[in-house]
Amino acid sequence: MPNISVMKNLDVNKLVDDLGGTLAVANMLNIKPPSVSEWKQNKKIPRESLIFLAPIAEKMGVSTRKKLLPNDWMRVWPELIEAA
């Protein structure tokens, strides 16, 4: 599986902003803010980070796990298959 999210429909800037901004996302992941700024600049989020952020985004009503990982959500969160 690719290490970087390259989903064409993922608006990285909007997702980060909706989650509270660069600093908030960096704090959620325990990483430095420049890393999140780089994602925004490159329009790519590392897959592992997106997997961690997706349930948070879903809980906040920002997006759903299925929308954030449309091609493999069922492998990451098999419990969602029953709900589909």
PDB file of N, CA and C in Angstrom:
ATOM      1  N   MET A   1       0.834  -1.190   0.000  1.00  0.00           N
ATOM      2  CA  MET A   1       0.000   0.000   0.000  1.00  0.00           C
ATOM      3  C   MET A   1       0.874   1.247   0.000  1.00  0.00           C
ATOM      4  N   PRO A   2       0.442   2.259  -0.699  1.00  0.00           N
ATOM      5  CA  PRO A   2       1.248   3.475  -0.746  1.00  0.00           C
ATOM      6  C   PRO A   2       1.329   4.135   0.621  1.00  0.00           C
ATOM      7  N   ASN A   3       2.456   4.774   0.877  1.00  0.00           N
ATOM      8  CA  ASN A   3       2.681   5.440   2.140  1.00  0.00           C
ATOM      9  C   ASN A   3       2.012   6.800   2.202  1.00  0.00           C
ATOM     10  N   ILE A   4       1.771   7.404   1.063  1.00  0.00           N
ATOM     11  CA  ILE A   4       1.235   8.763   1.017  1.00  0.00           C
ATOM     12  C   ILE A   4      -0.164   8.743   0.411  1.00  0.00           C
ATOM     13  N   SER A   5      -1.046   9.510   1.029  1.00  0.00           N
ATOM     14  CA  SER A   5      -2.384   9.647   0.477  1.00  0.00           C
ATOM     15  C   SER A   5      -2.320  10.566  -0.732  1.00  0.00           C
ATOM     16  N   VAL A   6      -2.781  10.081  -1.866  1.00  0.00           N
ATOM     17  CA  VAL A   6      -2.809  10.906  -3.065  1.00  0.00           C
ATOM     18  C   VAL A   6      -4.227  10.973  -3.629  1.00  0.00           C
ATOM     19  N   MET A   7      -5.218  10.843  -2.755  1.00  0.00           N
ATOM     20  CA  MET A   7      -6.596  10.890  -3.200  1.00  0.00           C
ATOM     21  C   MET A   7      -6.887  12.242  -3.828  1.00  0.00           C
ATOM     22  N   LYS A   8      -7.423  12.202  -5.016  1.00  0.00           N
ATOM     23  CA  LYS A   8      -7.679  13.427  -5.752  1.00  0.00           C
ATOM     24  C   LYS A   8      -8.758  14.283  -5.100  1.00  0.00           C
ATOM     25  N   ASN A   9      -9.679  13.664  -4.407  1.00  0.00           N
ATOM     26  CA  ASN A   9     -10.779  14.411  -3.811  1.00  0.00           C
ATOM     27  C   ASN A   9     -10.467  14.931  -2.413  1.00  0.00           C
ATOM     28  N   LEU A  10      -9.317  14.578  -1.869  1.00  0.00           N
ATOM     29  CA  LEU A  10      -8.976  15.013  -0.519  1.00  0.00           C
ATOM     30  C   LEU A  10      -8.412  16.423  -0.553  1.00  0.00           C
ATOM     31  N   ASP A  11      -9.115  17.333   0.074  1.00  0.00           N
ATOM     32  CA  ASP A  11      -8.645  18.710   0.206  1.00  0.00           C
ATOM     33  C   ASP A  11      -7.903  18.800   1.543  1.00  0.00           C
ATOM     34  N   VAL A  12      -6.603  18.652   1.490  1.00  0.00           N
ATOM     35  CA  VAL A  12      -5.777  18.601   2.696  1.00  0.00           C
ATOM     36  C   VAL A  12      -5.922  19.883   3.513  1.00  0.00           C
ATOM     37  N   ASN A  13      -5.894  21.029   2.842  1.00  0.00           N
ATOM     38  CA  ASN A  13      -6.016  22.293   3.573  1.00  0.00           C
ATOM     39  C   ASN A  13      -7.338  22.370   4.326  1.00  0.00           C
ATOM     40  N   LYS A  14      -8.429  21.986   3.672  1.00  0.00           N
ATOM     41  CA  LYS A  14      -9.736  22.038   4.314  1.00  0.00           C
ATOM     42  C   LYS A  14      -9.800  21.059   5.478  1.00  0.00           C
ATOM     43  N   LEU A  15      -9.298  19.858   5.283  1.00  0.00           N
ATOM     44  CA  LEU A  15      -9.325  18.868   6.353  1.00  0.00           C
ATOM     45  C   LEU A  15      -8.556  19.370   7.571  1.00  0.00           C
ATOM     46  N   VAL A  16      -7.355  19.864   7.347  1.00  0.00           N
ATOM     47  CA  VAL A  16      -6.543  20.373   8.458  1.00  0.00           C
ATOM     48  C   VAL A  16      -7.253  21.545   9.139  1.00  0.00           C
ATOM     49  N   ASP A  17      -7.776  22.459   8.357  1.00  0.00           N
ATOM     50  CA  ASP A  17      -8.484  23.608   8.932  1.00  0.00           C
ATOM     51  C   ASP A  17      -9.712  23.165   9.718  1.00  0.00           C
ATOM     52  N   ASP A  18     -10.472  22.223   9.169  1.00  0.00           N
ATOM     53  CA  ASP A  18     -11.675  21.743   9.851  1.00  0.00           C
ATOM     54  C   ASP A  18     -11.358  20.992  11.137  1.00  0.00           C
ATOM     55  N   LEU A  19     -10.165  20.436  11.214  1.00  0.00           N
ATOM     56  CA  LEU A  19      -9.743  19.736  12.436  1.00  0.00           C
ATOM     57  C   LEU A  19      -9.140  20.690  13.469  1.00  0.00           C
ATOM     58  N   GLY A  20      -9.105  21.967  13.146  1.00  0.00           N
ATOM     59  CA  GLY A  20      -8.621  22.945  14.116  1.00  0.00           C
ATOM     60  C   GLY A  20      -7.365  23.672  13.710  1.00  0.00           C
ATOM     61  N   GLY A  21      -6.818  23.337  12.546  1.00  0.00           N
ATOM     62  CA  GLY A  21      -5.632  24.025  12.062  1.00  0.00           C
ATOM     63  C   GLY A  21      -4.362  23.216  12.228  1.00  0.00           C
ATOM     64  N   THR A  22      -3.311  23.787  11.707  1.00  0.00           N
ATOM     65  CA  THR A  22      -2.010  23.112  11.673  1.00  0.00           C
ATOM     66  C   THR A  22      -1.528  22.703  13.061  1.00  0.00           C
ATOM     67  N   LEU A  23      -1.562  23.615  14.007  1.00  0.00           N
ATOM     68  CA  LEU A  23      -1.075  23.307  15.355  1.00  0.00           C
ATOM     69  C   LEU A  23      -1.920  22.233  16.019  1.00  0.00           C
ATOM     70  N   ALA A  24      -3.233  22.320  15.872  1.00  0.00           N
ATOM     71  CA  ALA A  24      -4.123  21.325  16.485  1.00  0.00           C
ATOM     72  C   ALA A  24      -3.861  19.932  15.922  1.00  0.00           C
ATOM     73  N   VAL A  25      -3.715  19.833  14.600  1.00  0.00           N
ATOM     74  CA  VAL A  25      -3.456  18.536  13.975  1.00  0.00           C
ATOM     75  C   VAL A  25      -2.091  18.014  14.401  1.00  0.00           C
ATOM     76  N   ALA A  26      -1.106  18.877  14.442  1.00  0.00           N
ATOM     77  CA  ALA A  26       0.227  18.460  14.898  1.00  0.00           C
ATOM     78  C   ALA A  26       0.158  17.922  16.324  1.00  0.00           C
ATOM     79  N   ASN A  27      -0.593  18.603  17.178  1.00  0.00           N
ATOM     80  CA  ASN A  27      -0.735  18.144  18.566  1.00  0.00           C
ATOM     81  C   ASN A  27      -1.460  16.807  18.647  1.00  0.00           C
ATOM     82  N   MET A  28      -2.476  16.613  17.816  1.00  0.00           N
ATOM     83  CA  MET A  28      -3.204  15.337  17.800  1.00  0.00           C
ATOM     84  C   MET A  28      -2.278  14.177  17.495  1.00  0.00           C
ATOM     85  N   LEU A  29      -1.319  14.430  16.615  1.00  0.00           N
ATOM     86  CA  LEU A  29      -0.421  13.381  16.146  1.00  0.00           C
ATOM     87  C   LEU A  29       0.919  13.367  16.861  1.00  0.00           C
ATOM     88  N   ASN A  30       1.103  14.336  17.762  1.00  0.00           N
ATOM     89  CA  ASN A  30       2.367  14.455  18.488  1.00  0.00           C
ATOM     90  C   ASN A  30       3.556  14.611  17.524  1.00  0.00           C
ATOM     91  N   ILE A  31       3.343  15.504  16.542  1.00  0.00           N
ATOM     92  CA  ILE A  31       4.400  15.825  15.584  1.00  0.00           C
ATOM     93  C   ILE A  31       4.575  17.339  15.562  1.00  0.00           C
ATOM     94  N   LYS A  32       5.571  17.796  14.855  1.00  0.00           N
ATOM     95  CA  LYS A  32       5.839  19.232  14.785  1.00  0.00           C
ATOM     96  C   LYS A  32       4.971  19.885  13.699  1.00  0.00           C
ATOM     97  N   PRO A  33       4.491  21.108  13.956  1.00  0.00           N
ATOM     98  CA  PRO A  33       3.639  21.807  12.989  1.00  0.00           C
ATOM     99  C   PRO A  33       4.216  21.928  11.577  1.00  0.00           C
ATOM    100  N   PRO A  34       5.539  22.090  11.403  1.00  0.00           N
ATOM    101  CA  PRO A  34       6.046  22.168  10.030  1.00  0.00           C
ATOM    102  C   PRO A  34       5.737  20.917   9.186  1.00  0.00           C
ATOM    103  N   SER A  35       5.594  19.767   9.849  1.00  0.00           N
ATOM    104  CA  SER A  35       5.240  18.553   9.108  1.00  0.00           C
ATOM    105  C   SER A  35       3.845  18.689   8.505  1.00  0.00           C
ATOM    106  N   VAL A  36       2.904  19.224   9.288  1.00  0.00           N
ATOM    107  CA  VAL A  36       1.537  19.412   8.804  1.00  0.00           C
ATOM    108  C   VAL A  36       1.519  20.494   7.720  1.00  0.00           C
ATOM    109  N   SER A  37       2.306  21.529   7.911  1.00  0.00           N
ATOM    110  CA  SER A  37       2.396  22.576   6.884  1.00  0.00           C
ATOM    111  C   SER A  37       2.899  22.002   5.565  1.00  0.00           C
ATOM    112  N   GLU A  38       3.818  21.075   5.644  1.00  0.00           N
ATOM    113  CA  GLU A  38       4.344  20.423   4.436  1.00  0.00           C
ATOM    114  C   GLU A  38       3.251  19.611   3.739  1.00  0.00           C
ATOM    115  N   TRP A  39       2.406  18.937   4.525  1.00  0.00           N
ATOM    116  CA  TRP A  39       1.286  18.192   3.934  1.00  0.00           C
ATOM    117  C   TRP A  39       0.396  19.142   3.144  1.00  0.00           C
ATOM    118  N   LYS A  40       0.115  20.289   3.768  1.00  0.00           N
ATOM    119  CA  LYS A  40      -0.763  21.257   3.122  1.00  0.00           C
ATOM    120  C   LYS A  40      -0.132  21.765   1.821  1.00  0.00           C
ATOM    121  N   GLN A  41       1.150  22.031   1.868  1.00  0.00           N
ATOM    122  CA  GLN A  41       1.861  22.521   0.692  1.00  0.00           C
ATOM    123  C   GLN A  41       1.885  21.470  -0.419  1.00  0.00           C
ATOM    124  N   ASN A  42       2.136  20.224  -0.046  1.00  0.00           N
ATOM    125  CA  ASN A  42       2.254  19.135  -1.021  1.00  0.00           C
ATOM    126  C   ASN A  42       0.911  18.482  -1.350  1.00  0.00           C
ATOM    127  N   LYS A  43      -0.122  18.846  -0.590  1.00  0.00           N
ATOM    128  CA  LYS A  43      -1.466  18.284  -0.777  1.00  0.00           C
ATOM    129  C   LYS A  43      -1.479  16.766  -0.604  1.00  0.00           C
ATOM    130  N   LYS A  44      -0.689  16.295   0.363  1.00  0.00           N
ATOM    131  CA  LYS A  44      -0.587  14.859   0.650  1.00  0.00           C
ATOM    132  C   LYS A  44      -0.446  14.657   2.153  1.00  0.00           C
ATOM    133  N   ILE A  45      -1.143  13.657   2.658  1.00  0.00           N
ATOM    134  CA  ILE A  45      -1.043  13.291   4.070  1.00  0.00           C
ATOM    135  C   ILE A  45      -0.529  11.858   4.135  1.00  0.00           C
ATOM    136  N   PRO A  46       0.468  11.590   4.958  1.00  0.00           N
ATOM    137  CA  PRO A  46       0.916  10.197   5.108  1.00  0.00           C
ATOM    138  C   PRO A  46      -0.260   9.308   5.513  1.00  0.00           C
ATOM    139  N   ARG A  47      -0.328   8.151   4.913  1.00  0.00           N
ATOM    140  CA  ARG A  47      -1.447   7.233   5.130  1.00  0.00           C
ATOM    141  C   ARG A  47      -1.658   6.937   6.612  1.00  0.00           C
ATOM    142  N   GLU A  48      -0.581   6.682   7.340  1.00  0.00           N
ATOM    143  CA  GLU A  48      -0.707   6.357   8.763  1.00  0.00           C
ATOM    144  C   GLU A  48      -1.362   7.505   9.531  1.00  0.00           C
ATOM    145  N   SER A  49      -1.003   8.712   9.167  1.00  0.00           N
ATOM    146  CA  SER A  49      -1.582   9.883   9.832  1.00  0.00           C
ATOM    147  C   SER A  49      -3.046  10.046   9.458  1.00  0.00           C
ATOM    148  N   LEU A  50      -3.373   9.788   8.206  1.00  0.00           N
ATOM    149  CA  LEU A  50      -4.761   9.891   7.773  1.00  0.00           C
ATOM    150  C   LEU A  50      -5.620   8.840   8.472  1.00  0.00           C
ATOM    151  N   ILE A  51      -5.088   7.650   8.643  1.00  0.00           N
ATOM    152  CA  ILE A  51      -5.815   6.595   9.362  1.00  0.00           C
ATOM    153  C   ILE A  51      -6.082   7.033  10.801  1.00  0.00           C
ATOM    154  N   PHE A  52      -5.139   7.703  11.420  1.00  0.00           N
ATOM    155  CA  PHE A  52      -5.320   8.190  12.791  1.00  0.00           C
ATOM    156  C   PHE A  52      -6.314   9.339  12.840  1.00  0.00           C
ATOM    157  N   LEU A  53      -6.259  10.239  11.864  1.00  0.00           N
ATOM    158  CA  LEU A  53      -7.118  11.424  11.865  1.00  0.00           C
ATOM    159  C   LEU A  53      -8.555  11.142  11.448  1.00  0.00           C
ATOM    160  N   ALA A  54      -8.766  10.129  10.629  1.00  0.00           N
ATOM    161  CA  ALA A  54     -10.094   9.867  10.082  1.00  0.00           C
ATOM    162  C   ALA A  54     -11.173   9.665  11.154  1.00  0.00           C
ATOM    163  N   PRO A  55     -10.941   8.849  12.198  1.00  0.00           N
ATOM    164  CA  PRO A  55     -11.977   8.714  13.227  1.00  0.00           C
ATOM    165  C   PRO A  55     -12.241  10.026  13.980  1.00  0.00           C
ATOM    166  N   ILE A  56     -11.213  10.830  14.133  1.00  0.00           N
ATOM    167  CA  ILE A  56     -11.380  12.129  14.793  1.00  0.00           C
ATOM    168  C   ILE A  56     -12.245  13.029  13.915  1.00  0.00           C
ATOM    169  N   ALA A  57     -11.938  13.043  12.632  1.00  0.00           N
ATOM    170  CA  ALA A  57     -12.721  13.849  11.692  1.00  0.00           C
ATOM    171  C   ALA A  57     -14.168  13.388  11.671  1.00  0.00           C
ATOM    172  N   GLU A  58     -14.370  12.089  11.726  1.00  0.00           N
ATOM    173  CA  GLU A  58     -15.725  11.546  11.728  1.00  0.00           C
ATOM    174  C   GLU A  58     -16.478  11.949  13.001  1.00  0.00           C
ATOM    175  N   LYS A  59     -15.810  11.845  14.120  1.00  0.00           N
ATOM    176  CA  LYS A  59     -16.439  12.209  15.402  1.00  0.00           C
ATOM    177  C   LYS A  59     -16.795  13.694  15.440  1.00  0.00           C
ATOM    178  N   MET A  60     -15.963  14.519  14.809  1.00  0.00           N
ATOM    179  CA  MET A  60     -16.208  15.964  14.783  1.00  0.00           C
ATOM    180  C   MET A  60     -17.224  16.359  13.706  1.00  0.00           C
ATOM    181  N   GLY A  61     -17.629  15.421  12.864  1.00  0.00           N
ATOM    182  CA  GLY A  61     -18.569  15.724  11.794  1.00  0.00           C
ATOM    183  C   GLY A  61     -17.926  16.383  10.586  1.00  0.00           C
ATOM    184  N   VAL A  62     -16.613  16.293  10.493  1.00  0.00           N
ATOM    185  CA  VAL A  62     -15.863  16.911   9.390  1.00  0.00           C
ATOM    186  C   VAL A  62     -15.942  16.056   8.135  1.00  0.00           C
ATOM    187  N   SER A  63     -15.816  14.762   8.284  1.00  0.00           N
ATOM    188  CA  SER A  63     -15.848  13.821   7.175  1.00  0.00           C
ATOM    189  C   SER A  63     -16.124  12.442   7.755  1.00  0.00           C
ATOM    190  N   THR A  64     -16.110  11.439   6.890  1.00  0.00           N
ATOM    191  CA  THR A  64     -16.264  10.069   7.368  1.00  0.00           C
ATOM    192  C   THR A  64     -15.004   9.285   7.040  1.00  0.00           C
ATOM    193  N   ARG A  65     -14.822   8.196   7.753  1.00  0.00           N
ATOM    194  CA  ARG A  65     -13.665   7.340   7.477  1.00  0.00           C
ATOM    195  C   ARG A  65     -13.749   6.787   6.058  1.00  0.00           C
ATOM    196  N   LYS A  66     -14.961   6.455   5.614  1.00  0.00           N
ATOM    197  CA  LYS A  66     -15.135   5.913   4.262  1.00  0.00           C
ATOM    198  C   LYS A  66     -14.761   6.937   3.199  1.00  0.00           C
ATOM    199  N   LYS A  67     -15.087   8.192   3.423  1.00  0.00           N
ATOM    200  CA  LYS A  67     -14.755   9.228   2.444  1.00  0.00           C
ATOM    201  C   LYS A  67     -13.257   9.531   2.428  1.00  0.00           C
ATOM    202  N   LEU A  68     -12.620   9.464   3.594  1.00  0.00           N
ATOM    203  CA  LEU A  68     -11.200   9.792   3.670  1.00  0.00           C
ATOM    204  C   LEU A  68     -10.313   8.676   3.131  1.00  0.00           C
ATOM    205  N   LEU A  69     -10.765   7.444   3.233  1.00  0.00           N
ATOM    206  CA  LEU A  69     -10.023   6.307   2.670  1.00  0.00           C
ATOM    207  C   LEU A  69     -10.974   5.475   1.821  1.00  0.00           C
ATOM    208  N   PRO A  70     -11.446   6.016   0.700  1.00  0.00           N
ATOM    209  CA  PRO A  70     -12.496   5.347  -0.067  1.00  0.00           C
ATOM    210  C   PRO A  70     -12.103   3.999  -0.672  1.00  0.00           C
ATOM    211  N   ASN A  71     -10.838   3.790  -0.926  1.00  0.00           N
ATOM    212  CA  ASN A  71     -10.414   2.557  -1.585  1.00  0.00           C
ATOM    213  C   ASN A  71     -10.082   1.417  -0.638  1.00  0.00           C
ATOM    214  N   ASP A  72      -9.830   1.721   0.636  1.00  0.00           N
ATOM    215  CA  ASP A  72      -9.454   0.625   1.535  1.00  0.00           C
ATOM    216  C   ASP A  72      -9.974   0.773   2.956  1.00  0.00           C
ATOM    217  N   TRP A  73     -11.044   1.540   3.139  1.00  0.00           N
ATOM    218  CA  TRP A  73     -11.600   1.698   4.484  1.00  0.00           C
ATOM    219  C   TRP A  73     -11.978   0.352   5.089  1.00  0.00           C
ATOM    220  N   MET A  74     -12.432  -0.587   4.248  1.00  0.00           N
ATOM    221  CA  MET A  74     -12.891  -1.879   4.761  1.00  0.00           C
ATOM    222  C   MET A  74     -11.745  -2.736   5.303  1.00  0.00           C
ATOM    223  N   ARG A  75     -10.525  -2.469   4.841  1.00  0.00           N
ATOM    224  CA  ARG A  75      -9.366  -3.186   5.377  1.00  0.00           C
ATOM    225  C   ARG A  75      -8.876  -2.562   6.670  1.00  0.00           C
ATOM    226  N   VAL A  76      -9.054  -1.262   6.792  1.00  0.00           N
ATOM    227  CA  VAL A  76      -8.592  -0.553   7.989  1.00  0.00           C
ATOM    228  C   VAL A  76      -9.612  -0.680   9.113  1.00  0.00           C
ATOM    229  N   TRP A  77     -10.891  -0.526   8.753  1.00  0.00           N
ATOM    230  CA  TRP A  77     -11.973  -0.575   9.746  1.00  0.00           C
ATOM    231  C   TRP A  77     -13.012  -1.601   9.315  1.00  0.00           C
ATOM    232  N   PRO A  78     -12.722  -2.892   9.453  1.00  0.00           N
ATOM    233  CA  PRO A  78     -13.658  -3.934   8.989  1.00  0.00           C
ATOM    234  C   PRO A  78     -15.010  -3.869   9.698  1.00  0.00           C
ATOM    235  N   GLU A  79     -15.044  -3.284  10.867  1.00  0.00           N
ATOM    236  CA  GLU A  79     -16.311  -3.168  11.592  1.00  0.00           C
ATOM    237  C   GLU A  79     -17.320  -2.294  10.853  1.00  0.00           C
ATOM    238  N   LEU A  80     -16.844  -1.455   9.941  1.00  0.00           N
ATOM    239  CA  LEU A  80     -17.751  -0.607   9.163  1.00  0.00           C
ATOM    240  C   LEU A  80     -18.467  -1.380   8.060  1.00  0.00           C
ATOM    241  N   ILE A  81     -17.963  -2.542   7.707  1.00  0.00           N
ATOM    242  CA  ILE A  81     -18.585  -3.342   6.641  1.00  0.00           C
ATOM    243  C   ILE A  81     -19.999  -3.717   7.056  1.00  0.00           C
ATOM    244  N   GLU A  82     -20.176  -4.131   8.302  1.00  0.00           N
ATOM    245  CA  GLU A  82     -21.490  -4.528   8.795  1.00  0.00           C
ATOM    246  C   GLU A  82     -22.444  -3.350   8.754  1.00  0.00           C
ATOM    247  N   ALA A  83     -21.946  -2.143   8.972  1.00  0.00           N
ATOM    248  CA  ALA A  83     -22.791  -0.968   9.014  1.00  0.00           C
ATOM    249  C   ALA A  83     -23.114  -0.448   7.611  1.00  0.00           C
ATOM    250  N   ALA A  84     -22.410  -0.964   6.610  1.00  0.00           N
ATOM    251  CA  ALA A  84     -22.593  -0.450   5.242  1.00  0.00           C
ATOM    252  C   ALA A  84     -23.884  -0.925   4.615  1.00  0.00           C
TER     253      ALA A  84
END
